[in-house]
N, C-alpha and C. Protein backbone atom coordinates (compact mmCIF):
# COMPACT_ATOMS: atom_id res chain seq x y z
N MET A 1 -16.08 -31.54 23.38
CA MET A 1 -16.39 -30.44 22.49
C MET A 1 -16.34 -30.95 21.06
N GLY A 2 -17.35 -30.68 20.27
CA GLY A 2 -17.37 -31.11 18.88
C GLY A 2 -16.53 -30.22 17.99
N ASP A 3 -16.22 -30.72 16.79
CA ASP A 3 -15.40 -29.96 15.85
C ASP A 3 -16.03 -28.64 15.46
N GLN A 4 -17.38 -28.53 15.47
CA GLN A 4 -18.01 -27.28 15.09
C GLN A 4 -17.64 -26.15 16.05
N HIS A 5 -17.28 -26.49 17.29
CA HIS A 5 -16.87 -25.47 18.25
C HIS A 5 -15.38 -25.18 18.17
N ARG A 6 -14.63 -26.12 17.67
CA ARG A 6 -13.18 -25.94 17.56
C ARG A 6 -12.83 -25.05 16.38
N GLY A 7 -13.58 -25.19 15.31
CA GLY A 7 -13.27 -24.49 14.08
C GLY A 7 -12.85 -25.47 13.00
N GLU A 8 -12.36 -24.94 11.93
CA GLU A 8 -11.95 -25.75 10.79
C GLU A 8 -10.47 -26.10 10.90
N PRO A 9 -10.12 -27.38 10.72
CA PRO A 9 -8.70 -27.75 10.82
C PRO A 9 -7.86 -27.05 9.75
N VAL A 10 -6.69 -26.58 10.14
CA VAL A 10 -5.74 -25.93 9.23
C VAL A 10 -4.34 -26.47 9.55
N GLU A 11 -3.43 -26.29 8.60
CA GLU A 11 -2.03 -26.61 8.84
C GLU A 11 -1.30 -25.31 9.14
N VAL A 12 -0.48 -25.32 10.16
CA VAL A 12 0.24 -24.12 10.58
C VAL A 12 1.71 -24.47 10.74
N THR A 13 2.58 -23.62 10.20
CA THR A 13 4.00 -23.72 10.51
C THR A 13 4.32 -22.61 11.49
N CYS A 14 5.24 -22.90 12.38
CA CYS A 14 5.53 -21.97 13.46
C CYS A 14 7.01 -21.68 13.58
N TYR A 15 7.29 -20.51 14.11
CA TYR A 15 8.63 -20.18 14.56
C TYR A 15 8.83 -20.85 15.91
N ALA A 16 9.93 -21.52 16.08
CA ALA A 16 10.25 -22.15 17.35
C ALA A 16 11.53 -21.53 17.87
N GLY A 17 11.37 -20.64 18.82
CA GLY A 17 12.53 -19.97 19.41
C GLY A 17 12.70 -20.43 20.84
N TYR A 18 12.23 -19.61 21.75
CA TYR A 18 12.30 -19.91 23.18
C TYR A 18 11.56 -21.20 23.50
N LYS A 19 10.45 -21.45 22.80
CA LYS A 19 9.69 -22.68 23.01
C LYS A 19 9.14 -23.15 21.67
N ALA A 20 8.69 -24.39 21.61
CA ALA A 20 8.10 -24.93 20.38
C ALA A 20 6.79 -24.21 20.07
N ASP A 21 6.49 -24.07 18.80
CA ASP A 21 5.25 -23.42 18.36
C ASP A 21 5.06 -22.05 19.02
N GLU A 22 6.14 -21.27 19.04
CA GLU A 22 6.10 -19.97 19.72
C GLU A 22 5.13 -19.00 19.05
N ARG A 23 5.15 -18.98 17.71
CA ARG A 23 4.20 -18.13 16.99
C ARG A 23 4.03 -18.64 15.56
N PRO A 24 2.81 -18.54 15.01
CA PRO A 24 2.56 -19.01 13.65
C PRO A 24 3.27 -18.15 12.62
N THR A 25 3.78 -18.78 11.55
CA THR A 25 4.41 -18.04 10.46
C THR A 25 3.65 -18.21 9.14
N THR A 26 3.02 -19.37 8.94
CA THR A 26 2.15 -19.58 7.77
C THR A 26 0.94 -20.41 8.19
N VAL A 27 -0.16 -20.21 7.45
CA VAL A 27 -1.39 -20.96 7.66
C VAL A 27 -1.83 -21.50 6.31
N THR A 28 -2.07 -22.80 6.23
CA THR A 28 -2.60 -23.40 5.01
C THR A 28 -4.04 -23.79 5.28
N TRP A 29 -4.94 -23.17 4.51
CA TRP A 29 -6.37 -23.37 4.67
C TRP A 29 -6.98 -23.59 3.29
N ARG A 30 -7.69 -24.67 3.15
CA ARG A 30 -8.33 -25.02 1.89
C ARG A 30 -7.34 -24.98 0.72
N GLU A 31 -6.19 -25.62 0.95
CA GLU A 31 -5.14 -25.80 -0.05
C GLU A 31 -4.47 -24.50 -0.50
N ARG A 32 -4.59 -23.45 0.30
CA ARG A 32 -3.91 -22.19 0.00
C ARG A 32 -3.11 -21.76 1.22
N THR A 33 -1.87 -21.32 1.00
CA THR A 33 -1.00 -20.93 2.10
C THR A 33 -0.95 -19.42 2.22
N TYR A 34 -1.09 -18.95 3.45
CA TYR A 34 -1.08 -17.53 3.78
C TYR A 34 0.10 -17.23 4.69
N GLN A 35 0.84 -16.19 4.38
CA GLN A 35 1.95 -15.74 5.21
C GLN A 35 1.40 -14.90 6.36
N VAL A 36 1.79 -15.23 7.58
CA VAL A 36 1.38 -14.44 8.74
C VAL A 36 2.29 -13.22 8.82
N LEU A 37 1.69 -12.04 8.79
CA LEU A 37 2.46 -10.80 8.87
C LEU A 37 2.71 -10.37 10.31
N ASP A 38 1.71 -10.59 11.16
CA ASP A 38 1.84 -10.09 12.53
C ASP A 38 0.93 -10.90 13.45
N VAL A 39 1.38 -11.10 14.68
CA VAL A 39 0.53 -11.66 15.73
C VAL A 39 -0.03 -10.47 16.48
N LEU A 40 -1.34 -10.25 16.35
CA LEU A 40 -1.99 -9.09 16.94
C LEU A 40 -2.32 -9.28 18.42
N ASP A 41 -2.57 -10.53 18.79
CA ASP A 41 -2.88 -10.85 20.18
C ASP A 41 -2.64 -12.34 20.38
N ARG A 42 -2.43 -12.72 21.60
CA ARG A 42 -2.29 -14.14 21.94
C ARG A 42 -2.71 -14.34 23.37
N TRP A 43 -3.27 -15.50 23.64
CA TRP A 43 -3.59 -15.86 25.01
C TRP A 43 -3.55 -17.37 25.12
N TYR A 44 -3.40 -17.80 26.36
CA TYR A 44 -3.16 -19.21 26.63
C TYR A 44 -4.25 -19.73 27.57
N ASP A 45 -4.79 -20.88 27.22
CA ASP A 45 -5.81 -21.56 28.00
C ASP A 45 -5.21 -22.91 28.41
N ARG A 46 -5.82 -23.58 29.34
CA ARG A 46 -5.25 -24.88 29.75
C ARG A 46 -5.34 -25.92 28.65
N ASP A 47 -6.31 -25.77 27.72
CA ASP A 47 -6.49 -26.74 26.65
C ASP A 47 -5.97 -26.29 25.29
N GLY A 48 -5.61 -25.01 25.17
CA GLY A 48 -5.17 -24.53 23.87
C GLY A 48 -4.55 -23.15 23.93
N ASN A 49 -3.80 -22.84 22.90
CA ASN A 49 -3.20 -21.52 22.74
C ASN A 49 -3.88 -20.82 21.57
N TYR A 50 -4.17 -19.54 21.73
CA TYR A 50 -4.88 -18.77 20.72
C TYR A 50 -3.99 -17.66 20.19
N PHE A 51 -4.07 -17.44 18.87
CA PHE A 51 -3.30 -16.40 18.21
C PHE A 51 -4.22 -15.65 17.25
N LYS A 52 -4.35 -14.35 17.46
CA LYS A 52 -5.06 -13.51 16.49
C LYS A 52 -3.97 -12.97 15.56
N VAL A 53 -4.09 -13.28 14.26
CA VAL A 53 -3.03 -12.95 13.32
C VAL A 53 -3.58 -12.12 12.16
N SER A 54 -2.69 -11.35 11.54
CA SER A 54 -3.01 -10.72 10.26
C SER A 54 -2.19 -11.45 9.20
N VAL A 55 -2.80 -11.63 8.02
CA VAL A 55 -2.14 -12.35 6.94
C VAL A 55 -1.93 -11.41 5.76
N GLU A 56 -1.08 -11.87 4.82
CA GLU A 56 -0.64 -11.00 3.72
C GLU A 56 -1.79 -10.46 2.87
N GLU A 57 -2.92 -11.15 2.79
CA GLU A 57 -4.04 -10.66 1.99
C GLU A 57 -4.84 -9.59 2.71
N GLY A 58 -4.45 -9.25 3.92
CA GLY A 58 -5.11 -8.18 4.66
C GLY A 58 -6.16 -8.65 5.65
N GLY A 59 -6.41 -9.93 5.74
CA GLY A 59 -7.40 -10.42 6.70
C GLY A 59 -6.82 -10.67 8.07
N GLN A 60 -7.71 -10.76 9.04
CA GLN A 60 -7.34 -11.13 10.40
C GLN A 60 -8.07 -12.41 10.75
N HIS A 61 -7.37 -13.33 11.42
CA HIS A 61 -7.94 -14.63 11.74
C HIS A 61 -7.53 -15.04 13.14
N LEU A 62 -8.38 -15.86 13.75
CA LEU A 62 -8.07 -16.42 15.06
C LEU A 62 -7.72 -17.89 14.89
N LEU A 63 -6.53 -18.25 15.34
CA LEU A 63 -6.05 -19.63 15.27
C LEU A 63 -6.01 -20.21 16.68
N ARG A 64 -6.35 -21.48 16.78
CA ARG A 64 -6.29 -22.18 18.06
C ARG A 64 -5.44 -23.42 17.91
N HIS A 65 -4.43 -23.53 18.76
CA HIS A 65 -3.62 -24.74 18.81
C HIS A 65 -4.15 -25.60 19.95
N ASP A 66 -4.84 -26.67 19.60
CA ASP A 66 -5.40 -27.58 20.59
C ASP A 66 -4.27 -28.42 21.16
N LEU A 67 -4.00 -28.26 22.44
CA LEU A 67 -2.88 -28.96 23.06
C LEU A 67 -3.18 -30.44 23.30
N GLY A 68 -4.46 -30.80 23.39
CA GLY A 68 -4.83 -32.19 23.62
C GLY A 68 -4.55 -33.08 22.43
N ASP A 69 -4.86 -32.57 21.22
CA ASP A 69 -4.63 -33.40 20.03
C ASP A 69 -3.53 -32.84 19.13
N ASP A 70 -2.85 -31.79 19.58
CA ASP A 70 -1.75 -31.16 18.85
C ASP A 70 -2.16 -30.82 17.41
N ARG A 71 -3.34 -30.21 17.28
CA ARG A 71 -3.83 -29.77 15.98
C ARG A 71 -4.20 -28.30 16.04
N TRP A 72 -4.19 -27.68 14.86
CA TRP A 72 -4.53 -26.27 14.72
C TRP A 72 -5.90 -26.12 14.08
N TYR A 73 -6.62 -25.09 14.50
CA TYR A 73 -7.95 -24.82 13.97
C TYR A 73 -8.10 -23.32 13.68
N LEU A 74 -8.83 -23.03 12.62
CA LEU A 74 -9.25 -21.67 12.30
C LEU A 74 -10.58 -21.47 13.00
N VAL A 75 -10.61 -20.59 13.98
CA VAL A 75 -11.80 -20.39 14.81
C VAL A 75 -12.74 -19.45 14.06
N PRO A 76 -14.02 -19.86 13.91
CA PRO A 76 -14.96 -18.99 13.19
C PRO A 76 -15.25 -17.74 14.01
N PRO A 77 -15.57 -16.62 13.33
CA PRO A 77 -15.93 -15.40 14.06
C PRO A 77 -17.18 -15.62 14.88
N ARG A 78 -17.23 -14.97 16.00
CA ARG A 78 -18.42 -15.08 16.87
C ARG A 78 -19.54 -14.21 16.31
N GLU A 79 -20.74 -14.71 16.46
CA GLU A 79 -21.89 -13.91 16.08
C GLU A 79 -22.30 -13.11 17.30
N GLU A 80 -22.26 -11.81 17.21
CA GLU A 80 -22.58 -10.94 18.35
C GLU A 80 -24.06 -10.71 18.45
């Protein structure tokens, strides 16, 4: 899968409680850091974990933690 399907690489800090990278707490995208206010949804795939989050500026974003390369990506919205 090419990077265009993964999304744009971002830096994510996570809360680690019961397990590592349990939930995102901040997202740094294009040199700006956003505080995650809430995890709206999450699901797990064999190759990655997905988190739909709301951030302090009022936006909602989909983050993907790629388990193969241990990197985070901002997934672009789907065109319906």
